[in-house]
Amino acid sequence: MNLASEATELVLVLNKIVNGLESYYKDSGQEYTFKMAARLKLLVSSFENYVAVEKSKEAAKLQLDEIKELMHNVNGAATKGEIDFVSGDVLSRYWELSTIFQETRFSHETL
């Protein structure tokens, strides 16, 4: 895999997370997950634009840094069992892909 394909997969994973947050309907966490989903959706949309349209590695990296801050909260809530909103290994796949702009194997690649 190359940087562009990994970044594209990361967009797909992030959109699955957004969809999971948007469709979470348990009373205790619904408002919290909707707010996270709204914030994350905007960031993911920008990230997707940098990856697929502008093909700006630096802008995508900076946007992913913002996404990571929010994802720490999402992951924390999921890990504690406060919200259960995604199936399978979506969160673990996010964390695997979240380092693509820091990995030396991709350092000389462009989007």
PDB file of N, CA and C in Angstrom:
ATOM      1  N   MET A   1       0.845  -1.185   0.000  1.00  0.00           N
ATOM      2  CA  MET A   1       0.000   0.000   0.000  1.00  0.00           C
ATOM      3  C   MET A   1       0.883   1.238   0.000  1.00  0.00           C
ATOM      4  N   ASN A   2       0.328   2.308  -0.538  1.00  0.00           N
ATOM      5  CA  ASN A   2       1.056   3.565  -0.556  1.00  0.00           C
ATOM      6  C   ASN A   2       0.307   4.605   0.284  1.00  0.00           C
ATOM      7  N   LEU A   3       0.897   5.777   0.411  1.00  0.00           N
ATOM      8  CA  LEU A   3       0.312   6.809   1.258  1.00  0.00           C
ATOM      9  C   LEU A   3      -1.083   7.192   0.788  1.00  0.00           C
ATOM     10  N   ALA A   4      -1.262   7.373  -0.502  1.00  0.00           N
ATOM     11  CA  ALA A   4      -2.568   7.788  -1.026  1.00  0.00           C
ATOM     12  C   ALA A   4      -3.650   6.748  -0.712  1.00  0.00           C
ATOM     13  N   SER A   5      -3.348   5.481  -0.898  1.00  0.00           N
ATOM     14  CA  SER A   5      -4.360   4.451  -0.629  1.00  0.00           C
ATOM     15  C   SER A   5      -4.644   4.324   0.870  1.00  0.00           C
ATOM     16  N   GLU A   6      -3.625   4.463   1.687  1.00  0.00           N
ATOM     17  CA  GLU A   6      -3.831   4.410   3.148  1.00  0.00           C
ATOM     18  C   GLU A   6      -4.655   5.616   3.609  1.00  0.00           C
ATOM     19  N   ALA A   7      -4.366   6.792   3.048  1.00  0.00           N
ATOM     20  CA  ALA A   7      -5.120   7.998   3.407  1.00  0.00           C
ATOM     21  C   ALA A   7      -6.580   7.861   2.977  1.00  0.00           C
ATOM     22  N   THR A   8      -6.800   7.279   1.810  1.00  0.00           N
ATOM     23  CA  THR A   8      -8.166   7.045   1.330  1.00  0.00           C
ATOM     24  C   THR A   8      -8.897   6.073   2.243  1.00  0.00           C
ATOM     25  N   GLU A   9      -8.216   5.032   2.668  1.00  0.00           N
ATOM     26  CA  GLU A   9      -8.829   4.088   3.608  1.00  0.00           C
ATOM     27  C   GLU A   9      -9.139   4.772   4.933  1.00  0.00           C
ATOM     28  N   LEU A  10      -8.248   5.655   5.368  1.00  0.00           N
ATOM     29  CA  LEU A  10      -8.471   6.377   6.613  1.00  0.00           C
ATOM     30  C   LEU A  10      -9.726   7.241   6.511  1.00  0.00           C
ATOM     31  N   VAL A  11      -9.946   7.860   5.375  1.00  0.00           N
ATOM     32  CA  VAL A  11     -11.175   8.636   5.169  1.00  0.00           C
ATOM     33  C   VAL A  11     -12.396   7.731   5.339  1.00  0.00           C
ATOM     34  N   LEU A  12     -12.359   6.550   4.749  1.00  0.00           N
ATOM     35  CA  LEU A  12     -13.477   5.611   4.852  1.00  0.00           C
ATOM     36  C   LEU A  12     -13.718   5.190   6.299  1.00  0.00           C
ATOM     37  N   VAL A  13     -12.642   4.903   7.020  1.00  0.00           N
ATOM     38  CA  VAL A  13     -12.754   4.497   8.427  1.00  0.00           C
ATOM     39  C   VAL A  13     -13.337   5.634   9.257  1.00  0.00           C
ATOM     40  N   LEU A  14     -12.846   6.846   9.030  1.00  0.00           N
ATOM     41  CA  LEU A  14     -13.356   8.002   9.777  1.00  0.00           C
ATOM     42  C   LEU A  14     -14.835   8.234   9.488  1.00  0.00           C
ATOM     43  N   ASN A  15     -15.240   8.044   8.252  1.00  0.00           N
ATOM     44  CA  ASN A  15     -16.658   8.199   7.919  1.00  0.00           C
ATOM     45  C   ASN A  15     -17.509   7.122   8.596  1.00  0.00           C
ATOM     46  N   LYS A  16     -16.972   5.921   8.753  1.00  0.00           N
ATOM     47  CA  LYS A  16     -17.691   4.875   9.494  1.00  0.00           C
ATOM     48  C   LYS A  16     -17.863   5.280  10.953  1.00  0.00           C
ATOM     49  N   ILE A  17     -16.842   5.894  11.509  1.00  0.00           N
ATOM     50  CA  ILE A  17     -16.911   6.352  12.899  1.00  0.00           C
ATOM     51  C   ILE A  17     -17.963   7.454  13.026  1.00  0.00           C
ATOM     52  N   VAL A  18     -17.948   8.409  12.101  1.00  0.00           N
ATOM     53  CA  VAL A  18     -18.960   9.482  12.112  1.00  0.00           C
ATOM     54  C   VAL A  18     -20.353   8.882  12.019  1.00  0.00           C
ATOM     55  N   ASN A  19     -20.548   7.956  11.091  1.00  0.00           N
ATOM     56  CA  ASN A  19     -21.862   7.321  10.929  1.00  0.00           C
ATOM     57  C   ASN A  19     -22.283   6.581  12.191  1.00  0.00           C
ATOM     58  N   GLY A  20     -21.333   5.913  12.826  1.00  0.00           N
ATOM     59  CA  GLY A  20     -21.633   5.220  14.075  1.00  0.00           C
ATOM     60  C   GLY A  20     -22.054   6.175  15.176  1.00  0.00           C
ATOM     61  N   LEU A  21     -21.368   7.304  15.260  1.00  0.00           N
ATOM     62  CA  LEU A  21     -21.730   8.310  16.262  1.00  0.00           C
ATOM     63  C   LEU A  21     -23.094   8.916  15.961  1.00  0.00           C
ATOM     64  N   GLU A  22     -23.367   9.181  14.689  1.00  0.00           N
ATOM     65  CA  GLU A  22     -24.649   9.774  14.305  1.00  0.00           C
ATOM     66  C   GLU A  22     -25.820   8.832  14.549  1.00  0.00           C
ATOM     67  N   SER A  23     -25.581   7.553  14.468  1.00  0.00           N
ATOM     68  CA  SER A  23     -26.687   6.598  14.612  1.00  0.00           C
ATOM     69  C   SER A  23     -26.767   5.992  16.011  1.00  0.00           C
ATOM     70  N   TYR A  24     -26.040   6.532  16.946  1.00  0.00           N
ATOM     71  CA  TYR A  24     -26.072   6.045  18.324  1.00  0.00           C
ATOM     72  C   TYR A  24     -27.301   6.627  19.020  1.00  0.00           C
ATOM     73  N   TYR A  25     -28.224   5.768  19.428  1.00  0.00           N
ATOM     74  CA  TYR A  25     -29.502   6.237  19.961  1.00  0.00           C
ATOM     75  C   TYR A  25     -29.795   5.808  21.393  1.00  0.00           C
ATOM     76  N   LYS A  26     -28.788   5.637  22.179  1.00  0.00           N
ATOM     77  CA  LYS A  26     -29.042   5.314  23.582  1.00  0.00           C
ATOM     78  C   LYS A  26     -29.197   6.618  24.351  1.00  0.00           C
ATOM     79  N   ASP A  27     -30.185   6.682  25.191  1.00  0.00           N
ATOM     80  CA  ASP A  27     -30.546   7.924  25.883  1.00  0.00           C
ATOM     81  C   ASP A  27     -29.378   8.619  26.560  1.00  0.00           C
ATOM     82  N   SER A  28     -28.576   7.885  27.271  1.00  0.00           N
ATOM     83  CA  SER A  28     -27.532   8.504  28.080  1.00  0.00           C
ATOM     84  C   SER A  28     -26.419   9.134  27.249  1.00  0.00           C
ATOM     85  N   GLY A  29     -26.187   8.648  26.045  1.00  0.00           N
ATOM     86  CA  GLY A  29     -25.071   9.174  25.281  1.00  0.00           C
ATOM     87  C   GLY A  29     -25.419   9.821  23.976  1.00  0.00           C
ATOM     88  N   GLN A  30     -26.684   9.897  23.643  1.00  0.00           N
ATOM     89  CA  GLN A  30     -27.088  10.373  22.330  1.00  0.00           C
ATOM     90  C   GLN A  30     -26.648  11.816  22.058  1.00  0.00           C
ATOM     91  N   GLU A  31     -26.894  12.718  22.956  1.00  0.00           N
ATOM     92  CA  GLU A  31     -26.520  14.123  22.734  1.00  0.00           C
ATOM     93  C   GLU A  31     -25.006  14.253  22.609  1.00  0.00           C
ATOM     94  N   TYR A  32     -24.279  13.562  23.457  1.00  0.00           N
ATOM     95  CA  TYR A  32     -22.817  13.581  23.436  1.00  0.00           C
ATOM     96  C   TYR A  32     -22.280  13.069  22.106  1.00  0.00           C
ATOM     97  N   THR A  33     -22.807  11.949  21.637  1.00  0.00           N
ATOM     98  CA  THR A  33     -22.303  11.376  20.384  1.00  0.00           C
ATOM     99  C   THR A  33     -22.693  12.222  19.185  1.00  0.00           C
ATOM    100  N   PHE A  34     -23.871  12.842  19.203  1.00  0.00           N
ATOM    101  CA  PHE A  34     -24.269  13.715  18.100  1.00  0.00           C
ATOM    102  C   PHE A  34     -23.338  14.919  18.001  1.00  0.00           C
ATOM    103  N   LYS A  35     -22.972  15.482  19.146  1.00  0.00           N
ATOM    104  CA  LYS A  35     -22.048  16.626  19.139  1.00  0.00           C
ATOM    105  C   LYS A  35     -20.669  16.210  18.627  1.00  0.00           C
ATOM    106  N   MET A  36     -20.205  15.068  19.075  1.00  0.00           N
ATOM    107  CA  MET A  36     -18.913  14.580  18.580  1.00  0.00           C
ATOM    108  C   MET A  36     -18.987  14.312  17.088  1.00  0.00           C
ATOM    109  N   ALA A  37     -20.075  13.713  16.648  1.00  0.00           N
ATOM    110  CA  ALA A  37     -20.246  13.398  15.228  1.00  0.00           C
ATOM    111  C   ALA A  37     -20.228  14.667  14.392  1.00  0.00           C
ATOM    112  N   ALA A  38     -20.903  15.704  14.844  1.00  0.00           N
ATOM    113  CA  ALA A  38     -20.948  16.962  14.096  1.00  0.00           C
ATOM    114  C   ALA A  38     -19.563  17.581  13.975  1.00  0.00           C
ATOM    115  N   ARG A  39     -18.834  17.611  15.070  1.00  0.00           N
ATOM    116  CA  ARG A  39     -17.472  18.168  15.035  1.00  0.00           C
ATOM    117  C   ARG A  39     -16.557  17.325  14.153  1.00  0.00           C
ATOM    118  N   LEU A  40     -16.643  16.016  14.331  1.00  0.00           N
ATOM    119  CA  LEU A  40     -15.785  15.114  13.578  1.00  0.00           C
ATOM    120  C   LEU A  40     -16.114  15.144  12.093  1.00  0.00           C
ATOM    121  N   LYS A  41     -17.379  15.244  11.767  1.00  0.00           N
ATOM    122  CA  LYS A  41     -17.808  15.246  10.360  1.00  0.00           C
ATOM    123  C   LYS A  41     -17.169  16.405   9.593  1.00  0.00           C
ATOM    124  N   LEU A  42     -17.132  17.575  10.193  1.00  0.00           N
ATOM    125  CA  LEU A  42     -16.512  18.734   9.548  1.00  0.00           C
ATOM    126  C   LEU A  42     -15.024  18.514   9.327  1.00  0.00           C
ATOM    127  N   LEU A  43     -14.366  17.980  10.332  1.00  0.00           N
ATOM    128  CA  LEU A  43     -12.932  17.718  10.221  1.00  0.00           C
ATOM    129  C   LEU A  43     -12.634  16.655   9.173  1.00  0.00           C
ATOM    130  N   VAL A  44     -13.434  15.611   9.149  1.00  0.00           N
ATOM    131  CA  VAL A  44     -13.238  14.525   8.185  1.00  0.00           C
ATOM    132  C   VAL A  44     -13.494  15.023   6.764  1.00  0.00           C
ATOM    133  N   SER A  45     -14.481  15.868   6.604  1.00  0.00           N
ATOM    134  CA  SER A  45     -14.766  16.431   5.289  1.00  0.00           C
ATOM    135  C   SER A  45     -13.570  17.233   4.772  1.00  0.00           C
ATOM    136  N   SER A  46     -12.984  18.030   5.627  1.00  0.00           N
ATOM    137  CA  SER A  46     -11.789  18.792   5.244  1.00  0.00           C
ATOM    138  C   SER A  46     -10.626  17.863   4.943  1.00  0.00           C
ATOM    139  N   PHE A  47     -10.445  16.863   5.792  1.00  0.00           N
ATOM    140  CA  PHE A  47      -9.367  15.889   5.584  1.00  0.00           C
ATOM    141  C   PHE A  47      -9.541  15.198   4.236  1.00  0.00           C
ATOM    142  N   GLU A  48     -10.765  14.775   3.933  1.00  0.00           N
ATOM    143  CA  GLU A  48     -11.038  14.111   2.663  1.00  0.00           C
ATOM    144  C   GLU A  48     -10.718  15.025   1.486  1.00  0.00           C
ATOM    145  N   ASN A  49     -11.044  16.299   1.609  1.00  0.00           N
ATOM    146  CA  ASN A  49     -10.736  17.264   0.559  1.00  0.00           C
ATOM    147  C   ASN A  49      -9.223  17.369   0.343  1.00  0.00           C
ATOM    148  N   TYR A  50      -8.472  17.439   1.429  1.00  0.00           N
ATOM    149  CA  TYR A  50      -7.011  17.537   1.314  1.00  0.00           C
ATOM    150  C   TYR A  50      -6.412  16.275   0.699  1.00  0.00           C
ATOM    151  N   VAL A  51      -7.009  15.133   1.000  1.00  0.00           N
ATOM    152  CA  VAL A  51      -6.495  13.861   0.485  1.00  0.00           C
ATOM    153  C   VAL A  51      -6.891  13.647  -0.978  1.00  0.00           C
ATOM    154  N   ALA A  52      -8.166  13.804  -1.283  1.00  0.00           N
ATOM    155  CA  ALA A  52      -8.689  13.406  -2.596  1.00  0.00           C
ATOM    156  C   ALA A  52      -8.685  14.505  -3.645  1.00  0.00           C
ATOM    157  N   VAL A  53      -8.861  15.753  -3.222  1.00  0.00           N
ATOM    158  CA  VAL A  53      -8.987  16.838  -4.189  1.00  0.00           C
ATOM    159  C   VAL A  53      -7.694  17.646  -4.280  1.00  0.00           C
ATOM    160  N   GLU A  54      -7.305  18.235  -3.173  1.00  0.00           N
ATOM    161  CA  GLU A  54      -6.106  19.075  -3.172  1.00  0.00           C
ATOM    162  C   GLU A  54      -4.816  18.265  -3.183  1.00  0.00           C
ATOM    163  N   LYS A  55      -4.891  17.039  -2.709  1.00  0.00           N
ATOM    164  CA  LYS A  55      -3.727  16.162  -2.604  1.00  0.00           C
ATOM    165  C   LYS A  55      -2.561  16.854  -1.895  1.00  0.00           C
ATOM    166  N   SER A  56      -2.909  17.488  -0.796  1.00  0.00           N
ATOM    167  CA  SER A  56      -1.935  18.218   0.008  1.00  0.00           C
ATOM    168  C   SER A  56      -1.564  17.394   1.238  1.00  0.00           C
ATOM    169  N   LYS A  57      -0.406  16.829   1.191  1.00  0.00           N
ATOM    170  CA  LYS A  57       0.068  15.990   2.292  1.00  0.00           C
ATOM    171  C   LYS A  57       0.180  16.794   3.587  1.00  0.00           C
ATOM    172  N   GLU A  58       0.733  17.998   3.496  1.00  0.00           N
ATOM    173  CA  GLU A  58       0.931  18.818   4.687  1.00  0.00           C
ATOM    174  C   GLU A  58      -0.406  19.255   5.293  1.00  0.00           C
ATOM    175  N   ALA A  59      -1.343  19.700   4.455  1.00  0.00           N
ATOM    176  CA  ALA A  59      -2.659  20.116   4.962  1.00  0.00           C
ATOM    177  C   ALA A  59      -3.406  18.924   5.550  1.00  0.00           C
ATOM    178  N   ALA A  60      -3.314  17.770   4.897  1.00  0.00           N
ATOM    179  CA  ALA A  60      -3.978  16.565   5.409  1.00  0.00           C
ATOM    180  C   ALA A  60      -3.394  16.170   6.756  1.00  0.00           C
ATOM    181  N   LYS A  61      -2.084  16.258   6.882  1.00  0.00           N
ATOM    182  CA  LYS A  61      -1.420  15.922   8.149  1.00  0.00           C
ATOM    183  C   LYS A  61      -1.901  16.842   9.271  1.00  0.00           C
ATOM    184  N   LEU A  62      -1.958  18.135   8.996  1.00  0.00           N
ATOM    185  CA  LEU A  62      -2.418  19.087  10.007  1.00  0.00           C
ATOM    186  C   LEU A  62      -3.877  18.837  10.383  1.00  0.00           C
ATOM    187  N   GLN A  63      -4.700  18.523   9.395  1.00  0.00           N
ATOM    188  CA  GLN A  63      -6.103  18.233   9.682  1.00  0.00           C
ATOM    189  C   GLN A  63      -6.233  16.959  10.505  1.00  0.00           C
ATOM    190  N   LEU A  64      -5.425  15.967  10.189  1.00  0.00           N
ATOM    191  CA  LEU A  64      -5.458  14.724  10.956  1.00  0.00           C
ATOM    192  C   LEU A  64      -5.037  14.966  12.400  1.00  0.00           C
ATOM    193  N   ASP A  65      -4.123  15.882  12.624  1.00  0.00           N
ATOM    194  CA  ASP A  65      -3.739  16.226  13.991  1.00  0.00           C
ATOM    195  C   ASP A  65      -4.941  16.733  14.786  1.00  0.00           C
ATOM    196  N   GLU A  66      -5.792  17.528  14.148  1.00  0.00           N
ATOM    197  CA  GLU A  66      -7.013  18.011  14.811  1.00  0.00           C
ATOM    198  C   GLU A  66      -7.989  16.860  15.054  1.00  0.00           C
ATOM    199  N   ILE A  67      -8.092  15.981  14.081  1.00  0.00           N
ATOM    200  CA  ILE A  67      -8.982  14.821  14.208  1.00  0.00           C
ATOM    201  C   ILE A  67      -8.531  13.946  15.374  1.00  0.00           C
ATOM    202  N   LYS A  68      -7.222  13.763  15.513  1.00  0.00           N
ATOM    203  CA  LYS A  68      -6.695  12.907  16.582  1.00  0.00           C
ATOM    204  C   LYS A  68      -7.115  13.404  17.959  1.00  0.00           C
ATOM    205  N   GLU A  69      -7.140  14.720  18.149  1.00  0.00           N
ATOM    206  CA  GLU A  69      -7.547  15.262  19.446  1.00  0.00           C
ATOM    207  C   GLU A  69      -8.964  14.828  19.799  1.00  0.00           C
ATOM    208  N   LEU A  70      -9.864  14.932  18.846  1.00  0.00           N
ATOM    209  CA  LEU A  70     -11.244  14.516  19.076  1.00  0.00           C
ATOM    210  C   LEU A  70     -11.354  13.002  19.205  1.00  0.00           C
ATOM    211  N   MET A  71     -10.577  12.297  18.409  1.00  0.00           N
ATOM    212  CA  MET A  71     -10.630  10.833  18.447  1.00  0.00           C
ATOM    213  C   MET A  71     -10.149  10.267  19.775  1.00  0.00           C
ATOM    214  N   HIS A  72      -9.300  10.964  20.478  1.00  0.00           N
ATOM    215  CA  HIS A  72      -8.909  10.514  21.818  1.00  0.00           C
ATOM    216  C   HIS A  72     -10.136  10.490  22.732  1.00  0.00           C
ATOM    217  N   ASN A  73     -11.010  11.492  22.604  1.00  0.00           N
ATOM    218  CA  ASN A  73     -12.240  11.525  23.395  1.00  0.00           C
ATOM    219  C   ASN A  73     -13.189  10.415  22.971  1.00  0.00           C
ATOM    220  N   VAL A  74     -13.333  10.238  21.669  1.00  0.00           N
ATOM    221  CA  VAL A  74     -14.211   9.186  21.148  1.00  0.00           C
ATOM    222  C   VAL A  74     -13.725   7.822  21.622  1.00  0.00           C
ATOM    223  N   ASN A  75     -12.438   7.578  21.455  1.00  0.00           N
ATOM    224  CA  ASN A  75     -11.866   6.299  21.854  1.00  0.00           C
ATOM    225  C   ASN A  75     -11.988   6.072  23.362  1.00  0.00           C
ATOM    226  N   GLY A  76     -11.752   7.128  24.132  1.00  0.00           N
ATOM    227  CA  GLY A  76     -11.869   7.019  25.584  1.00  0.00           C
ATOM    228  C   GLY A  76     -13.269   6.620  26.017  1.00  0.00           C
ATOM    229  N   ALA A  77     -14.263   7.261  25.420  1.00  0.00           N
ATOM    230  CA  ALA A  77     -15.653   6.943  25.762  1.00  0.00           C
ATOM    231  C   ALA A  77     -16.002   5.515  25.348  1.00  0.00           C
ATOM    232  N   ALA A  78     -15.505   5.100  24.195  1.00  0.00           N
ATOM    233  CA  ALA A  78     -15.785   3.731  23.728  1.00  0.00           C
ATOM    234  C   ALA A  78     -15.072   2.707  24.594  1.00  0.00           C
ATOM    235  N   THR A  79     -13.840   2.996  24.968  1.00  0.00           N
ATOM    236  CA  THR A  79     -13.053   2.071  25.781  1.00  0.00           C
ATOM    237  C   THR A  79     -13.655   1.900  27.174  1.00  0.00           C
ATOM    238  N   LYS A  80     -14.150   2.995  27.734  1.00  0.00           N
ATOM    239  CA  LYS A  80     -14.764   2.935  29.059  1.00  0.00           C
ATOM    240  C   LYS A  80     -16.136   2.275  29.023  1.00  0.00           C
ATOM    241  N   GLY A  81     -16.662   2.064  27.832  1.00  0.00           N
ATOM    242  CA  GLY A  81     -17.975   1.469  27.706  1.00  0.00           C
ATOM    243  C   GLY A  81     -19.110   2.468  27.784  1.00  0.00           C
ATOM    244  N   GLU A  82     -18.766   3.766  27.781  1.00  0.00           N
ATOM    245  CA  GLU A  82     -19.803   4.791  27.845  1.00  0.00           C
ATOM    246  C   GLU A  82     -20.626   4.820  26.563  1.00  0.00           C
ATOM    247  N   ILE A  83     -19.969   4.561  25.447  1.00  0.00           N
ATOM    248  CA  ILE A  83     -20.683   4.473  24.174  1.00  0.00           C
ATOM    249  C   ILE A  83     -20.166   3.255  23.413  1.00  0.00           C
ATOM    250  N   ASP A  84     -21.076   2.606  22.757  1.00  0.00           N
ATOM    251  CA  ASP A  84     -20.741   1.448  21.932  1.00  0.00           C
ATOM    252  C   ASP A  84     -21.380   1.716  20.580  1.00  0.00           C
ATOM    253  N   PHE A  85     -20.610   2.272  19.660  1.00  0.00           N
ATOM    254  CA  PHE A  85     -21.203   2.812  18.455  1.00  0.00           C
ATOM    255  C   PHE A  85     -20.649   2.261  17.149  1.00  0.00           C
ATOM    256  N   VAL A  86     -19.585   1.497  17.201  1.00  0.00           N
ATOM    257  CA  VAL A  86     -19.036   0.927  15.972  1.00  0.00           C
ATOM    258  C   VAL A  86     -18.807  -0.563  16.172  1.00  0.00           C
ATOM    259  N   SER A  87     -18.907  -1.289  15.095  1.00  0.00           N
ATOM    260  CA  SER A  87     -18.693  -2.724  15.180  1.00  0.00           C
ATOM    261  C   SER A  87     -17.319  -3.087  14.649  1.00  0.00           C
ATOM    262  N   GLY A  88     -16.914  -4.262  14.981  1.00  0.00           N
ATOM    263  CA  GLY A  88     -15.650  -4.772  14.455  1.00  0.00           C
ATOM    264  C   GLY A  88     -14.446  -4.021  14.952  1.00  0.00           C
ATOM    265  N   ASP A  89     -13.501  -3.883  14.058  1.00  0.00           N
ATOM    266  CA  ASP A  89     -12.221  -3.286  14.435  1.00  0.00           C
ATOM    267  C   ASP A  89     -12.057  -1.864  13.897  1.00  0.00           C
ATOM    268  N   VAL A  90     -13.154  -1.143  13.748  1.00  0.00           N
ATOM    269  CA  VAL A  90     -13.104   0.192  13.151  1.00  0.00           C
ATOM    270  C   VAL A  90     -12.175   1.117  13.938  1.00  0.00           C
ATOM    271  N   LEU A  91     -12.322   1.148  15.251  1.00  0.00           N
ATOM    272  CA  LEU A  91     -11.466   2.030  16.044  1.00  0.00           C
ATOM    273  C   LEU A  91     -10.009   1.597  15.994  1.00  0.00           C
ATOM    274  N   SER A  92      -9.752   0.315  16.072  1.00  0.00           N
ATOM    275  CA  SER A  92      -8.358  -0.130  16.012  1.00  0.00           C
ATOM    276  C   SER A  92      -7.758   0.157  14.638  1.00  0.00           C
ATOM    277  N   ARG A  93      -8.556   0.025  13.600  1.00  0.00           N
ATOM    278  CA  ARG A  93      -8.050   0.337  12.259  1.00  0.00           C
ATOM    279  C   ARG A  93      -7.752   1.829  12.140  1.00  0.00           C
ATOM    280  N   TYR A  94      -8.581   2.660  12.742  1.00  0.00           N
ATOM    281  CA  TYR A  94      -8.295   4.098  12.761  1.00  0.00           C
ATOM    282  C   TYR A  94      -6.924   4.355  13.384  1.00  0.00           C
ATOM    283  N   TRP A  95      -6.669   3.757  14.549  1.00  0.00           N
ATOM    284  CA  TRP A  95      -5.404   4.016  15.237  1.00  0.00           C
ATOM    285  C   TRP A  95      -4.216   3.485  14.432  1.00  0.00           C
ATOM    286  N   GLU A  96      -4.401   2.384  13.730  1.00  0.00           N
ATOM    287  CA  GLU A  96      -3.321   1.876  12.868  1.00  0.00           C
ATOM    288  C   GLU A  96      -3.014   2.858  11.738  1.00  0.00           C
ATOM    289  N   LEU A  97      -4.047   3.427  11.164  1.00  0.00           N
ATOM    290  CA  LEU A  97      -3.866   4.339  10.024  1.00  0.00           C
ATOM    291  C   LEU A  97      -3.505   5.756  10.439  1.00  0.00           C
ATOM    292  N   SER A  98      -3.775   6.121  11.669  1.00  0.00           N
ATOM    293  CA  SER A  98      -3.599   7.515  12.100  1.00  0.00           C
ATOM    294  C   SER A  98      -2.147   7.983  12.097  1.00  0.00           C
ATOM    295  N   THR A  99      -1.220   7.077  11.941  1.00  0.00           N
ATOM    296  CA  THR A  99       0.205   7.460  11.961  1.00  0.00           C
ATOM    297  C   THR A  99       0.826   7.534  10.566  1.00  0.00           C
ATOM    298  N   ILE A 100       0.021   7.445   9.533  1.00  0.00           N
ATOM    299  CA  ILE A 100       0.583   7.340   8.176  1.00  0.00           C
ATOM    300  C   ILE A 100       1.474   8.516   7.794  1.00  0.00           C
ATOM    301  N   PHE A 101       1.183   9.702   8.294  1.00  0.00           N
ATOM    302  CA  PHE A 101       1.993  10.859   7.924  1.00  0.00           C
ATOM    303  C   PHE A 101       3.277  10.954   8.739  1.00  0.00           C
ATOM    304  N   GLN A 102       3.438  10.090   9.711  1.00  0.00           N
ATOM    305  CA  GLN A 102       4.643  10.060  10.537  1.00  0.00           C
ATOM    306  C   GLN A 102       5.557   8.894  10.181  1.00  0.00           C
ATOM    307  N   GLU A 103       5.071   7.982   9.378  1.00  0.00           N
ATOM    308  CA  GLU A 103       5.823   6.771   9.073  1.00  0.00           C
ATOM    309  C   GLU A 103       6.878   7.029   8.001  1.00  0.00           C
ATOM    310  N   THR A 104       8.080   6.531   8.260  1.00  0.00           N
ATOM    311  CA  THR A 104       9.187   6.755   7.325  1.00  0.00           C
ATOM    312  C   THR A 104       8.962   6.074   5.982  1.00  0.00           C
ATOM    313  N   ARG A 105       8.216   4.986   5.965  1.00  0.00           N
ATOM    314  CA  ARG A 105       7.982   4.301   4.697  1.00  0.00           C
ATOM    315  C   ARG A 105       7.208   5.164   3.708  1.00  0.00           C
ATOM    316  N   PHE A 106       6.489   6.181   4.215  1.00  0.00           N
ATOM    317  CA  PHE A 106       5.732   7.078   3.351  1.00  0.00           C
ATOM    318  C   PHE A 106       6.357   8.466   3.239  1.00  0.00           C
ATOM    319  N   SER A 107       7.490   8.680   3.858  1.00  0.00           N
ATOM    320  CA  SER A 107       8.044  10.041   3.954  1.00  0.00           C
ATOM    321  C   SER A 107       8.334  10.691   2.616  1.00  0.00           C
ATOM    322  N   HIS A 108       8.626   9.928   1.600  1.00  0.00           N
ATOM    323  CA  HIS A 108       8.949  10.512   0.295  1.00  0.00           C
ATOM    324  C   HIS A 108       7.786  10.430  -0.682  1.00  0.00           C
ATOM    325  N   GLU A 109       6.646   9.958  -0.220  1.00  0.00           N
ATOM    326  CA  GLU A 109       5.483   9.830  -1.100  1.00  0.00           C
ATOM    327  C   GLU A 109       4.599  11.069  -1.023  1.00  0.00           C
ATOM    328  N   THR A 110       3.880  11.288  -2.106  1.00  0.00           N
ATOM    329  CA  THR A 110       2.888  12.348  -2.153  1.00  0.00           C
ATOM    330  C   THR A 110       1.507  11.717  -2.182  1.00  0.00           C
ATOM    331  N   LEU A 111       0.523  12.570  -2.003  1.00  0.00           N
ATOM    332  CA  LEU A 111      -0.855  12.085  -2.121  1.00  0.00           C
ATOM    333  C   LEU A 111      -1.239  12.111  -3.577  1.00  0.00           C
TER     334      LEU A 111
END
